[in-house]
């Protein structure tokens, strides 16, 4: 059994999508989010493995673990 499509429903759906898209990409919401920058550094592979294991225990990936560690370091040594 085939269902007939109600054209009025699709018009309402398209309007809802348009409103949500405008809210998502509004200029004031974009300004609130700060962009991230890519940084690089060199460490020994064995030390990286140790850090990856530690971050995995915390439920974090590599990048999340590094960000967490830097934030904690900053809090501890702020003064």
PDB file of N, CA and C in Angstrom:
ATOM      1  N   UNK A   1       0.844  -1.164   0.000  1.00  0.00           N
ATOM      2  CA  UNK A   1       0.000   0.000   0.000  1.00  0.00           C
ATOM      3  C   UNK A   1       0.897   1.238   0.000  1.00  0.00           C
ATOM      4  N   UNK A   2       0.681   2.104  -0.923  1.00  0.00           N
ATOM      5  CA  UNK A   2       1.480   3.320  -1.034  1.00  0.00           C
ATOM      6  C   UNK A   2       0.818   4.445  -0.254  1.00  0.00           C
ATOM      7  N   UNK A   3       1.639   5.280   0.334  1.00  0.00           N
ATOM      8  CA  UNK A   3       1.126   6.445   1.045  1.00  0.00           C
ATOM      9  C   UNK A   3       1.211   7.660   0.141  1.00  0.00           C
ATOM     10  N   UNK A   4       0.181   8.463   0.197  1.00  0.00           N
ATOM     11  CA  UNK A   4       0.214   9.692  -0.589  1.00  0.00           C
ATOM     12  C   UNK A   4       0.933  10.766   0.211  1.00  0.00           C
ATOM     13  N   UNK A   5       1.711  11.523  -0.483  1.00  0.00           N
ATOM     14  CA  UNK A   5       2.466  12.595   0.152  1.00  0.00           C
ATOM     15  C   UNK A   5       1.610  13.842   0.212  1.00  0.00           C
ATOM     16  N   UNK A   6       1.609  14.467   1.369  1.00  0.00           N
ATOM     17  CA  UNK A   6       0.861  15.701   1.546  1.00  0.00           C
ATOM     18  C   UNK A   6       1.812  16.864   1.271  1.00  0.00           C
ATOM     19  N   UNK A   7       1.587  17.631   0.200  1.00  0.00           N
ATOM     20  CA  UNK A   7       2.513  18.723  -0.136  1.00  0.00           C
ATOM     21  C   UNK A   7       2.601  19.795   0.945  1.00  0.00           C
ATOM     22  N   UNK A   8       1.559  19.977   1.727  1.00  0.00           N
ATOM     23  CA  UNK A   8       1.590  20.986   2.788  1.00  0.00           C
ATOM     24  C   UNK A   8       2.611  20.616   3.866  1.00  0.00           C
ATOM     25  N   UNK A   9       2.744  19.340   4.155  1.00  0.00           N
ATOM     26  CA  UNK A   9       3.722  18.887   5.153  1.00  0.00           C
ATOM     27  C   UNK A   9       5.147  19.178   4.703  1.00  0.00           C
ATOM     28  N   UNK A  10       5.447  18.958   3.429  1.00  0.00           N
ATOM     29  CA  UNK A  10       6.807  19.191   2.954  1.00  0.00           C
ATOM     30  C   UNK A  10       7.140  20.675   2.944  1.00  0.00           C
ATOM     31  N   UNK A  11       6.151  21.532   2.695  1.00  0.00           N
ATOM     32  CA  UNK A  11       6.394  22.980   2.735  1.00  0.00           C
ATOM     33  C   UNK A  11       6.745  23.395   4.159  1.00  0.00           C
ATOM     34  N   UNK A  12       5.987  22.893   5.147  1.00  0.00           N
ATOM     35  CA  UNK A  12       6.268  23.207   6.546  1.00  0.00           C
ATOM     36  C   UNK A  12       7.645  22.678   6.946  1.00  0.00           C
ATOM     37  N   UNK A  13       7.979  21.480   6.506  1.00  0.00           N
ATOM     38  CA  UNK A  13       9.280  20.891   6.803  1.00  0.00           C
ATOM     39  C   UNK A  13      10.404  21.749   6.236  1.00  0.00           C
ATOM     40  N   UNK A  14      10.274  22.198   4.991  1.00  0.00           N
ATOM     41  CA  UNK A  14      11.295  23.036   4.362  1.00  0.00           C
ATOM     42  C   UNK A  14      11.447  24.362   5.086  1.00  0.00           C
ATOM     43  N   UNK A  15      10.336  24.931   5.554  1.00  0.00           N
ATOM     44  CA  UNK A  15      10.402  26.191   6.300  1.00  0.00           C
ATOM     45  C   UNK A  15      11.126  25.985   7.630  1.00  0.00           C
ATOM     46  N   UNK A  16      10.846  24.860   8.306  1.00  0.00           N
ATOM     47  CA  UNK A  16      11.522  24.564   9.570  1.00  0.00           C
ATOM     48  C   UNK A  16      13.029  24.422   9.358  1.00  0.00           C
ATOM     49  N   UNK A  17      13.418  23.729   8.308  1.00  0.00           N
ATOM     50  CA  UNK A  17      14.836  23.539   8.005  1.00  0.00           C
ATOM     51  C   UNK A  17      15.493  24.887   7.716  1.00  0.00           C
ATOM     52  N   UNK A  18      14.808  25.737   6.978  1.00  0.00           N
ATOM     53  CA  UNK A  18      15.358  27.052   6.648  1.00  0.00           C
ATOM     54  C   UNK A  18      15.576  27.883   7.904  1.00  0.00           C
ATOM     55  N   UNK A  19      14.615  27.872   8.813  1.00  0.00           N
ATOM     56  CA  UNK A  19      14.734  28.635  10.056  1.00  0.00           C
ATOM     57  C   UNK A  19      15.903  28.109  10.884  1.00  0.00           C
ATOM     58  N   UNK A  20      16.022  26.786  11.007  1.00  0.00           N
ATOM     59  CA  UNK A  20      17.115  26.200  11.787  1.00  0.00           C
ATOM     60  C   UNK A  20      18.471  26.517  11.165  1.00  0.00           C
ATOM     61  N   UNK A  21      18.548  26.489   9.851  1.00  0.00           N
ATOM     62  CA  UNK A  21      19.809  26.799   9.180  1.00  0.00           C
ATOM     63  C   UNK A  21      20.201  28.254   9.414  1.00  0.00           C
ATOM     64  N   UNK A  22      19.237  29.146   9.347  1.00  0.00           N
ATOM     65  CA  UNK A  22      19.535  30.568   9.591  1.00  0.00           C
ATOM     66  C   UNK A  22      20.008  30.790  11.015  1.00  0.00           C
ATOM     67  N   UNK A  23      19.394  30.103  11.977  1.00  0.00           N
ATOM     68  CA  UNK A  23      19.827  30.236  13.363  1.00  0.00           C
ATOM     69  C   UNK A  23      21.236  29.686  13.559  1.00  0.00           C
ATOM     70  N   UNK A  24      21.509  28.568  12.911  1.00  0.00           N
ATOM     71  CA  UNK A  24      22.813  27.931  13.049  1.00  0.00           C
ATOM     72  C   UNK A  24      23.928  28.791  12.482  1.00  0.00           C
ATOM     73  N   UNK A  25      23.674  29.398  11.327  1.00  0.00           N
ATOM     74  CA  UNK A  25      24.715  30.159  10.648  1.00  0.00           C
ATOM     75  C   UNK A  25      24.586  31.664  10.838  1.00  0.00           C
ATOM     76  N   UNK A  26      23.815  32.089  11.818  1.00  0.00           N
ATOM     77  CA  UNK A  26      23.693  33.519  12.097  1.00  0.00           C
ATOM     78  C   UNK A  26      25.050  34.062  12.525  1.00  0.00           C
ATOM     79  N   UNK A  27      25.339  35.281  12.167  1.00  0.00           N
ATOM     80  CA  UNK A  27      26.665  35.851  12.407  1.00  0.00           C
ATOM     81  C   UNK A  27      26.990  35.979  13.890  1.00  0.00           C
ATOM     82  N   UNK A  28      26.006  36.266  14.752  1.00  0.00           N
ATOM     83  CA  UNK A  28      26.323  36.425  16.167  1.00  0.00           C
ATOM     84  C   UNK A  28      26.669  35.102  16.836  1.00  0.00           C
ATOM     85  N   UNK A  29      26.105  33.991  16.371  1.00  0.00           N
ATOM     86  CA  UNK A  29      26.470  32.712  16.958  1.00  0.00           C
ATOM     87  C   UNK A  29      27.851  32.267  16.498  1.00  0.00           C
ATOM     88  N   UNK A  30      28.262  32.687  15.310  1.00  0.00           N
ATOM     89  CA  UNK A  30      29.582  32.335  14.798  1.00  0.00           C
ATOM     90  C   UNK A  30      30.657  33.085  15.574  1.00  0.00           C
ATOM     91  N   UNK A  31      30.391  34.317  15.943  1.00  0.00           N
ATOM     92  CA  UNK A  31      31.374  35.122  16.667  1.00  0.00           C
ATOM     93  C   UNK A  31      31.669  34.564  18.053  1.00  0.00           C
ATOM     94  N   UNK A  32      30.696  33.925  18.683  1.00  0.00           N
ATOM     95  CA  UNK A  32      30.896  33.406  20.029  1.00  0.00           C
ATOM     96  C   UNK A  32      31.872  32.241  20.053  1.00  0.00           C
ATOM     97  N   UNK A  33      31.943  31.484  18.985  1.00  0.00           N
ATOM     98  CA  UNK A  33      32.827  30.326  18.935  1.00  0.00           C
ATOM     99  C   UNK A  33      34.217  30.763  18.495  1.00  0.00           C
ATOM    100  N   UNK A  34      35.206  30.430  19.288  1.00  0.00           N
ATOM    101  CA  UNK A  34      36.579  30.785  18.965  1.00  0.00           C
ATOM    102  C   UNK A  34      37.209  29.665  18.149  1.00  0.00           C
ATOM    103  N   UNK A  35      37.880  30.024  17.082  1.00  0.00           N
ATOM    104  CA  UNK A  35      38.541  29.029  16.246  1.00  0.00           C
ATOM    105  C   UNK A  35      39.750  28.451  16.952  1.00  0.00           C
ATOM    106  N   UNK A  36      40.056  27.201  16.631  1.00  0.00           N
ATOM    107  CA  UNK A  36      41.244  26.557  17.186  1.00  0.00           C
ATOM    108  C   UNK A  36      42.394  26.726  16.200  1.00  0.00           C
ATOM    109  N   UNK A  37      43.598  26.679  16.726  1.00  0.00           N
ATOM    110  CA  UNK A  37      44.776  26.747  15.865  1.00  0.00           C
ATOM    111  C   UNK A  37      45.532  25.430  15.970  1.00  0.00           C
ATOM    112  N   UNK A  38      46.215  25.075  14.920  1.00  0.00           N
ATOM    113  CA  UNK A  38      46.993  23.845  14.897  1.00  0.00           C
ATOM    114  C   UNK A  38      48.386  24.133  15.422  1.00  0.00           C
ATOM    115  N   UNK A  39      48.812  23.356  16.400  1.00  0.00           N
ATOM    116  CA  UNK A  39      50.168  23.506  16.937  1.00  0.00           C
ATOM    117  C   UNK A  39      50.898  22.180  16.783  1.00  0.00           C
ATOM    118  N   UNK A  40      52.202  22.252  16.670  1.00  0.00           N
ATOM    119  CA  UNK A  40      53.007  21.046  16.535  1.00  0.00           C
ATOM    120  C   UNK A  40      54.155  21.078  17.531  1.00  0.00           C
ATOM    121  N   UNK A  41      54.568  19.915  17.960  1.00  0.00           N
ATOM    122  CA  UNK A  41      55.730  19.780  18.831  1.00  0.00           C
ATOM    123  C   UNK A  41      56.271  18.371  18.672  1.00  0.00           C
ATOM    124  N   UNK A  42      57.467  18.161  19.133  1.00  0.00           N
ATOM    125  CA  UNK A  42      58.119  16.859  18.988  1.00  0.00           C
ATOM    126  C   UNK A  42      58.330  16.225  20.351  1.00  0.00           C
ATOM    127  N   UNK A  43      57.992  14.936  20.465  1.00  0.00           N
ATOM    128  CA  UNK A  43      58.260  14.163  21.673  1.00  0.00           C
ATOM    129  C   UNK A  43      58.706  12.767  21.246  1.00  0.00           C
ATOM    130  N   UNK A  44      59.303  12.056  22.181  1.00  0.00           N
ATOM    131  CA  UNK A  44      59.750  10.698  21.898  1.00  0.00           C
ATOM    132  C   UNK A  44      58.541   9.783  21.722  1.00  0.00           C
ATOM    133  N   UNK A  45      58.621   8.827  20.816  1.00  0.00           N
ATOM    134  CA  UNK A  45      57.490   7.905  20.599  1.00  0.00           C
ATOM    135  C   UNK A  45      57.071   7.146  21.856  1.00  0.00           C
ATOM    136  N   UNK A  46      58.043   6.758  22.688  1.00  0.00           N
ATOM    137  CA  UNK A  46      57.698   6.022  23.903  1.00  0.00           C
ATOM    138  C   UNK A  46      56.908   6.902  24.885  1.00  0.00           C
ATOM    139  N   UNK A  47      57.298   8.180  24.982  1.00  0.00           N
ATOM    140  CA  UNK A  47      56.584   9.105  25.869  1.00  0.00           C
ATOM    141  C   UNK A  47      55.182   9.369  25.332  1.00  0.00           C
ATOM    142  N   UNK A  48      55.051   9.478  24.011  1.00  0.00           N
ATOM    143  CA  UNK A  48      53.729   9.683  23.414  1.00  0.00           C
ATOM    144  C   UNK A  48      52.832   8.500  23.719  1.00  0.00           C
ATOM    145  N   UNK A  49      53.374   7.297  23.638  1.00  0.00           N
ATOM    146  CA  UNK A  49      52.594   6.086  23.939  1.00  0.00           C
ATOM    147  C   UNK A  49      52.122   6.105  25.387  1.00  0.00           C
ATOM    148  N   UNK A  50      52.989   6.516  26.307  1.00  0.00           N
ATOM    149  CA  UNK A  50      52.605   6.617  27.717  1.00  0.00           C
ATOM    150  C   UNK A  50      51.455   7.602  27.895  1.00  0.00           C
ATOM    151  N   UNK A  51      51.580   8.753  27.227  1.00  0.00           N
ATOM    152  CA  UNK A  51      50.520   9.760  27.330  1.00  0.00           C
ATOM    153  C   UNK A  51      49.215   9.262  26.718  1.00  0.00           C
ATOM    154  N   UNK A  52      49.297   8.597  25.570  1.00  0.00           N
ATOM    155  CA  UNK A  52      48.099   8.056  24.932  1.00  0.00           C
ATOM    156  C   UNK A  52      47.399   7.056  25.850  1.00  0.00           C
ATOM    157  N   UNK A  53      48.179   6.210  26.526  1.00  0.00           N
ATOM    158  CA  UNK A  53      47.596   5.245  27.458  1.00  0.00           C
ATOM    159  C   UNK A  53      46.921   5.953  28.627  1.00  0.00           C
ATOM    160  N   UNK A  54      47.576   6.984  29.162  1.00  0.00           N
ATOM    161  CA  UNK A  54      46.999   7.753  30.261  1.00  0.00           C
ATOM    162  C   UNK A  54      45.705   8.437  29.821  1.00  0.00           C
ATOM    163  N   UNK A  55      45.731   9.060  28.657  1.00  0.00           N
ATOM    164  CA  UNK A  55      44.541   9.745  28.150  1.00  0.00           C
ATOM    165  C   UNK A  55      43.411   8.750  27.892  1.00  0.00           C
ATOM    166  N   UNK A  56      43.754   7.568  27.397  1.00  0.00           N
ATOM    167  CA  UNK A  56      42.742   6.536  27.142  1.00  0.00           C
ATOM    168  C   UNK A  56      42.060   6.118  28.447  1.00  0.00           C
ATOM    169  N   UNK A  57      42.827   6.030  29.533  1.00  0.00           N
ATOM    170  CA  UNK A  57      42.248   5.707  30.837  1.00  0.00           C
ATOM    171  C   UNK A  57      41.255   6.773  31.284  1.00  0.00           C
ATOM    172  N   UNK A  58      41.513   8.006  30.881  1.00  0.00           N
ATOM    173  CA  UNK A  58      40.621   9.120  31.217  1.00  0.00           C
ATOM    174  C   UNK A  58      39.469   9.242  30.223  1.00  0.00           C
ATOM    175  N   UNK A  59      39.478   8.411  29.197  1.00  0.00           N
ATOM    176  CA  UNK A  59      38.431   8.474  28.184  1.00  0.00           C
ATOM    177  C   UNK A  59      38.644   9.577  27.169  1.00  0.00           C
ATOM    178  N   UNK A  60      39.900   9.975  26.980  1.00  0.00           N
ATOM    179  CA  UNK A  60      40.223  11.061  26.065  1.00  0.00           C
ATOM    180  C   UNK A  60      41.095  10.559  24.921  1.00  0.00           C
ATOM    181  N   UNK A  61      40.966  11.190  23.790  1.00  0.00           N
ATOM    182  CA  UNK A  61      41.869  10.922  22.679  1.00  0.00           C
ATOM    183  C   UNK A  61      43.128  11.752  22.849  1.00  0.00           C
ATOM    184  N   UNK A  62      44.001  11.681  21.856  1.00  0.00           N
ATOM    185  CA  UNK A  62      45.271  12.390  21.936  1.00  0.00           C
ATOM    186  C   UNK A  62      45.076  13.903  22.063  1.00  0.00           C
ATOM    187  N   UNK A  63      44.340  14.497  21.136  1.00  0.00           N
ATOM    188  CA  UNK A  63      44.174  15.955  21.132  1.00  0.00           C
ATOM    189  C   UNK A  63      43.414  16.423  22.366  1.00  0.00           C
ATOM    190  N   UNK A  64      42.356  15.719  22.734  1.00  0.00           N
ATOM    191  CA  UNK A  64      41.597  16.087  23.928  1.00  0.00           C
ATOM    192  C   UNK A  64      42.432  15.980  25.184  1.00  0.00           C
ATOM    193  N   UNK A  65      43.265  14.960  25.254  1.00  0.00           N
ATOM    194  CA  UNK A  65      44.143  14.784  26.409  1.00  0.00           C
ATOM    195  C   UNK A  65      45.179  15.887  26.522  1.00  0.00           C
ATOM    196  N   UNK A  66      45.746  16.271  25.388  1.00  0.00           N
ATOM    197  CA  UNK A  66      46.727  17.363  25.399  1.00  0.00           C
ATOM    198  C   UNK A  66      46.065  18.668  25.825  1.00  0.00           C
ATOM    199  N   UNK A  67      44.865  18.954  25.283  1.00  0.00           N
ATOM    200  CA  UNK A  67      44.154  20.179  25.690  1.00  0.00           C
ATOM    201  C   UNK A  67      43.848  20.146  27.184  1.00  0.00           C
ATOM    202  N   UNK A  68      43.398  18.996  27.687  1.00  0.00           N
ATOM    203  CA  UNK A  68      43.103  18.847  29.111  1.00  0.00           C
ATOM    204  C   UNK A  68      44.364  19.086  29.946  1.00  0.00           C
ATOM    205  N   UNK A  69      45.462  18.463  29.555  1.00  0.00           N
ATOM    206  CA  UNK A  69      46.712  18.603  30.306  1.00  0.00           C
ATOM    207  C   UNK A  69      47.189  20.058  30.318  1.00  0.00           C
ATOM    208  N   UNK A  70      47.086  20.735  29.187  1.00  0.00           N
ATOM    209  CA  UNK A  70      47.515  22.133  29.132  1.00  0.00           C
ATOM    210  C   UNK A  70      46.629  23.032  29.993  1.00  0.00           C
ATOM    211  N   UNK A  71      45.328  22.771  29.998  1.00  0.00           N
ATOM    212  CA  UNK A  71      44.421  23.561  30.845  1.00  0.00           C
ATOM    213  C   UNK A  71      44.734  23.343  32.324  1.00  0.00           C
ATOM    214  N   UNK A  72      44.969  22.085  32.712  1.00  0.00           N
ATOM    215  CA  UNK A  72      45.302  21.791  34.105  1.00  0.00           C
ATOM    216  C   UNK A  72      46.630  22.431  34.500  1.00  0.00           C
ATOM    217  N   UNK A  73      47.603  22.365  33.609  1.00  0.00           N
ATOM    218  CA  UNK A  73      48.903  23.001  33.871  1.00  0.00           C
ATOM    219  C   UNK A  73      48.728  24.509  34.057  1.00  0.00           C
ATOM    220  N   UNK A  74      47.925  25.092  33.188  1.00  0.00           N
ATOM    221  CA  UNK A  74      47.680  26.531  33.262  1.00  0.00           C
ATOM    222  C   UNK A  74      47.006  26.915  34.574  1.00  0.00           C
ATOM    223  N   UNK A  75      46.030  26.128  35.021  1.00  0.00           N
ATOM    224  CA  UNK A  75      45.357  26.401  36.288  1.00  0.00           C
ATOM    225  C   UNK A  75      46.331  26.316  37.455  1.00  0.00           C
ATOM    226  N   UNK A  76      47.178  25.281  37.432  1.00  0.00           N
ATOM    227  CA  UNK A  76      48.086  25.038  38.550  1.00  0.00           C
ATOM    228  C   UNK A  76      49.156  26.116  38.670  1.00  0.00           C
ATOM    229  N   UNK A  77      49.681  26.565  37.524  1.00  0.00           N
ATOM    230  CA  UNK A  77      50.819  27.497  37.542  1.00  0.00           C
ATOM    231  C   UNK A  77      50.441  28.895  37.071  1.00  0.00           C
ATOM    232  N   UNK A  78      49.187  29.264  37.247  1.00  0.00           N
ATOM    233  CA  UNK A  78      48.727  30.573  36.774  1.00  0.00           C
ATOM    234  C   UNK A  78      49.423  31.728  37.492  1.00  0.00           C
ATOM    235  N   UNK A  79      49.649  31.595  38.768  1.00  0.00           N
ATOM    236  CA  UNK A  79      50.268  32.703  39.518  1.00  0.00           C
ATOM    237  C   UNK A  79      51.749  32.656  39.500  1.00  0.00           C
TER     238      UNK A  79
END
